[in-house]
Protein backbone atom coordinates (compact mmCIF):
# COMPACT_ATOMS: atom_id res chain seq x y z
CA MET A 1 -11.31 -1.75 -2.61
CA LYS A 2 -11.27 -2.03 1.14
CA VAL A 3 -11.73 -0.34 4.50
CA LEU A 4 -8.34 0.75 5.84
CA SER A 5 -9.71 1.70 9.25
CA VAL A 6 -12.96 1.95 11.19
CA ASN A 7 -12.94 5.14 13.27
CA VAL A 8 -15.04 5.97 16.31
CA GLY A 9 -15.30 9.38 17.97
CA ARG A 10 -14.05 10.43 21.37
CA PRO A 11 -16.07 13.31 22.85
CA ARG A 12 -14.02 16.45 23.31
CA PRO A 13 -14.80 20.12 24.01
CA ASN A 14 -16.05 22.14 21.05
CA PRO A 15 -15.01 25.79 21.34
CA TRP A 16 -15.62 26.41 17.63
CA LYS A 17 -19.41 26.17 17.43
CA GLY A 18 -20.72 27.15 20.84
CA LEU A 19 -21.55 23.56 21.76
CA GLY A 20 -20.31 21.66 24.76
CA LEU A 21 -18.85 18.69 22.90
CA THR A 22 -17.95 17.39 19.44
CA GLY A 23 -17.44 13.87 18.13
CA ILE A 24 -15.08 14.90 15.30
CA ASP A 25 -12.07 13.34 17.07
CA LYS A 26 -12.43 9.91 15.47
CA ARG A 27 -9.71 7.29 15.88
CA PRO A 28 -9.16 3.80 14.48
CA VAL A 29 -10.41 0.91 16.58
CA THR A 30 -9.44 -2.75 16.51
CA GLY A 31 -11.85 -5.62 16.18
CA PRO A 32 -15.39 -5.67 14.82
CA VAL A 33 -17.77 -2.71 15.17
CA ALA A 34 -21.54 -3.13 15.05
CA VAL A 35 -23.35 -1.07 12.39
CA THR A 36 -27.07 -0.34 12.67
CA ALA A 37 -29.54 2.22 11.33
CA PRO A 38 -29.73 5.02 13.93
CA GLY A 39 -33.20 6.34 13.23
CA PRO A 40 -34.22 9.97 12.68
CA LYS A 41 -31.88 12.91 13.16
CA GLY A 42 -32.09 14.72 16.48
CA THR A 43 -30.92 12.17 19.04
CA GLY A 44 -27.18 12.19 18.32
CA ALA A 45 -27.27 8.56 17.22
CA VAL A 46 -25.16 7.39 14.28
CA GLY A 47 -24.50 4.05 12.62
CA LEU A 48 -21.41 2.81 14.46
CA ALA A 49 -21.58 1.42 17.97
CA GLY A 50 -19.69 3.61 20.43
CA ASP A 51 -19.93 6.74 18.30
CA ARG A 52 -22.31 9.70 18.38
CA VAL A 53 -22.67 13.32 17.25
CA HIS A 54 -23.30 16.30 19.51
CA ASP A 55 -24.58 18.89 17.00
CA VAL A 56 -27.84 16.97 16.70
CA LYS A 57 -29.51 19.60 14.52
CA HIS A 58 -27.06 19.19 11.64
CA HIS A 59 -25.54 15.72 12.04
CA GLY A 60 -26.50 12.13 12.67
CA GLY A 61 -29.64 10.18 11.85
CA SER A 62 -30.33 7.62 9.16
CA ASP A 63 -29.20 9.72 6.18
CA GLN A 64 -25.87 10.50 7.86
CA ALA A 65 -25.33 7.20 9.65
CA VAL A 66 -21.77 6.61 8.41
CA TYR A 67 -19.21 8.99 6.89
CA ALA A 68 -16.55 7.70 4.48
CA TYR A 69 -13.43 9.45 3.21
CA ALA A 70 -10.79 8.11 0.84
CA ARG A 71 -7.21 7.65 1.99
CA GLU A 72 -6.13 8.87 -1.44
CA ASP A 73 -7.80 12.22 -0.76
CA LEU A 74 -6.26 12.40 2.71
CA ASP A 75 -2.88 11.82 1.10
CA GLY A 76 -3.48 14.76 -1.23
CA TRP A 77 -4.36 17.02 1.68
CA GLU A 78 -1.39 15.69 3.61
CA ALA A 79 0.95 16.93 0.89
CA GLU A 80 -0.74 20.35 0.94
CA PHE A 81 -0.71 20.60 4.75
CA GLY A 82 2.90 19.47 5.01
CA ARG A 83 2.07 17.21 7.94
CA SER A 84 0.77 13.73 8.61
CA LEU A 85 -2.99 13.19 8.52
CA THR A 86 -4.01 10.06 10.35
CA ASN A 87 -7.02 7.92 9.45
CA GLY A 88 -10.13 9.45 11.02
CA ILE A 89 -8.69 12.98 11.17
CA PHE A 90 -11.49 14.38 8.96
CA GLY A 91 -14.07 12.88 11.30
CA GLU A 92 -14.70 9.95 8.98
CA ASN A 93 -15.99 6.63 10.28
CA LEU A 94 -14.51 4.70 7.36
CA THR A 95 -11.16 5.47 5.76
CA THR A 96 -11.23 3.66 2.42
CA LEU A 97 -8.63 2.59 -0.14
CA GLY A 98 -9.22 2.07 -3.85
CA LEU A 99 -12.79 3.37 -3.77
CA ASP A 100 -13.90 6.48 -5.67
CA VAL A 101 -15.90 7.97 -2.81
CA ASN A 102 -16.56 11.37 -4.41
CA GLY A 103 -17.44 9.77 -7.75
CA ALA A 104 -19.96 7.46 -6.09
CA LEU A 105 -23.56 7.89 -7.23
CA ILE A 106 -26.31 8.88 -4.83
CA GLY A 107 -28.13 5.61 -4.13
CA GLU A 108 -25.07 3.48 -4.91
CA ARG A 109 -24.75 0.55 -2.52
CA TRP A 110 -21.60 -0.90 -1.02
CA ARG A 111 -21.26 -4.30 0.60
CA ILE A 112 -18.60 -4.12 3.29
CA GLY A 113 -17.39 -7.45 4.60
CA PRO A 114 -19.84 -10.35 4.64
CA GLU A 115 -22.80 -8.60 6.29
CA VAL A 116 -23.11 -4.83 5.99
CA VAL A 117 -24.68 -2.97 3.06
CA LEU A 118 -24.51 0.84 3.02
CA GLU A 119 -26.15 3.27 0.58
CA VAL A 120 -24.58 6.55 -0.51
CA SER A 121 -26.95 9.34 0.52
CA CYS A 122 -25.27 12.77 0.36
CA ALA A 123 -22.10 14.83 0.60
CA ARG A 124 -20.48 16.23 3.73
CA ILE A 125 -20.76 20.02 4.08
CA PRO A 126 -17.89 21.59 6.08
CA CYS A 127 -18.55 23.55 9.26
CA ALA A 128 -16.74 25.68 11.84
CA THR A 129 -15.93 22.64 13.98
CA PHE A 130 -14.09 21.02 11.05
CA GLN A 131 -12.03 24.17 10.45
CA GLY A 132 -11.21 24.66 14.12
CA TRP A 133 -10.31 21.01 14.63
CA LEU A 134 -7.76 21.12 11.80
CA GLU A 135 -6.44 24.52 12.88
CA ARG A 136 -6.48 25.83 9.31
CA ASP A 137 -7.64 29.39 8.68
CA GLY A 138 -9.75 29.54 5.55
CA TRP A 139 -10.19 25.78 5.57
CA ILE A 140 -13.94 25.82 4.82
CA LYS A 141 -13.34 27.81 1.63
CA ARG A 142 -10.39 25.64 0.60
CA PHE A 143 -12.27 22.39 1.23
CA THR A 144 -15.27 23.72 -0.67
CA ARG A 145 -13.25 24.73 -3.72
CA ALA A 146 -11.63 21.30 -3.89
CA ALA A 147 -15.02 19.50 -4.01
CA ARG A 148 -13.68 16.32 -2.41
CA PRO A 149 -16.21 16.12 0.42
CA GLY A 150 -16.49 12.43 1.16
CA ALA A 151 -19.81 10.60 1.40
CA TYR A 152 -22.48 10.06 4.00
CA LEU A 153 -24.15 6.68 3.90
CA ARG A 154 -27.30 5.11 5.29
CA VAL A 155 -27.48 1.56 6.63
CA VAL A 156 -29.41 -0.87 4.42
CA GLU A 157 -28.26 -4.14 6.00
CA PRO A 158 -26.76 -4.05 9.52
CA GLY A 159 -23.94 -6.20 10.82
CA GLU A 160 -20.31 -5.89 11.81
CA ILE A 161 -17.41 -4.28 10.00
CA ARG A 162 -13.70 -4.11 10.71
CA ALA A 163 -10.48 -2.76 9.26
CA GLY A 164 -9.43 -4.76 6.21
CA ASP A 165 -12.95 -5.61 5.07
CA ALA A 166 -13.40 -5.68 1.31
CA VAL A 167 -15.78 -3.16 -0.26
CA GLU A 168 -17.88 -4.23 -3.25
CA VAL A 169 -20.17 -1.92 -5.19
CA VAL A 170 -23.31 -4.06 -5.51
CA HIS A 171 -25.69 -1.50 -7.05
CA ARG A 172 -25.32 1.63 -9.15
CA PRO A 173 -28.46 3.63 -10.05
CA GLY A 174 -29.13 4.80 -13.59
CA HIS A 175 -28.38 8.51 -13.18
CA ASP A 176 -25.22 10.62 -13.08
CA VAL A 177 -25.64 12.42 -9.75
CA THR A 178 -22.40 11.87 -7.85
CA VAL A 179 -21.37 12.89 -4.36
CA ALA A 180 -19.11 15.56 -5.85
CA LEU A 181 -21.94 16.93 -8.01
CA VAL A 182 -24.26 17.20 -5.00
CA PHE A 183 -21.56 19.06 -3.09
CA ARG A 184 -20.89 21.50 -5.92
CA ALA A 185 -24.63 22.13 -6.36
CA MET A 186 -25.14 22.84 -2.67
CA THR A 187 -22.13 25.14 -2.33
CA LEU A 188 -20.58 27.14 -5.19
CA GLU A 189 -22.66 26.04 -8.20
CA PRO A 190 -26.38 26.29 -7.37
CA ASP A 191 -27.25 26.21 -11.07
CA LEU A 192 -26.58 22.46 -10.80
CA LEU A 193 -29.37 21.95 -8.25
CA PRO A 194 -32.05 20.87 -10.76
CA ARG A 195 -29.88 17.91 -11.76
CA LEU A 196 -30.15 16.51 -8.25
CA LEU A 197 -33.82 15.62 -8.77
CA ALA A 198 -32.72 12.60 -10.81
CA ALA A 199 -31.41 11.00 -7.59
CA ASP A 200 -34.36 9.50 -5.70
CA ALA A 201 -32.08 8.43 -2.84
CA LEU A 202 -31.02 11.99 -2.02
CA PRO A 203 -32.31 13.03 1.43
CA ALA A 204 -35.57 14.96 1.47
CA GLU A 205 -34.00 18.31 2.34
CA GLY A 206 -31.69 18.11 -0.67
CA ARG A 207 -34.52 17.25 -3.02
CA GLU A 208 -36.62 20.10 -1.61
CA LEU A 209 -33.76 22.52 -2.21
CA ALA A 210 -33.54 21.33 -5.80
CA ARG A 211 -37.29 21.64 -6.30
CA ARG A 212 -37.27 25.22 -5.02
CA ARG A 213 -34.52 26.02 -7.49
CA THR A 214 -36.60 24.68 -10.38
CA GLY A 215 -39.84 26.23 -9.11
CA ALA A 216 -41.51 22.83 -9.22
């Protein structure tokens, strides 16, 4: 299990969401990249040095510090699209190989390289910027049906990461709430929401949504 590439965003116009800019155009960088906890959502800060988000209401902050997507899943989409999909094309900071990103448990921790520890926090929910960037009509619905969302992670131990770093799963919590399950519960299968309460590491808004579903 390893990081194939570390991807940092280049600001570009965002005609798809009524915002001035988007950071979805992420491209592989060479050399080490500093990773730190960005603090609360609302400032545009994320975990990787040199990167940021521009839709500060919905993205960024400690619970969405780093976004990971598996190269294996990109390869599957590549076959469906009939065109090459480069690392970073989904807006991911980390393109991984050999790691079951969607099967990762909420609260699972990954050591990346010798220093950095990240914790799986939640699933990525697709938006209009994602669909417009890929130039695929109906993409939000197609991505949602596939339930291969990739994982957001929070920073537990800061440091530097780079392409080629090994990934080791150093902690797995004792529940069965995966990234894919969270995504399904929050999109097409709301009956699954009560199950999310087993995951203490789920961000507060996700747990509140699950509590409302149960009436607790």
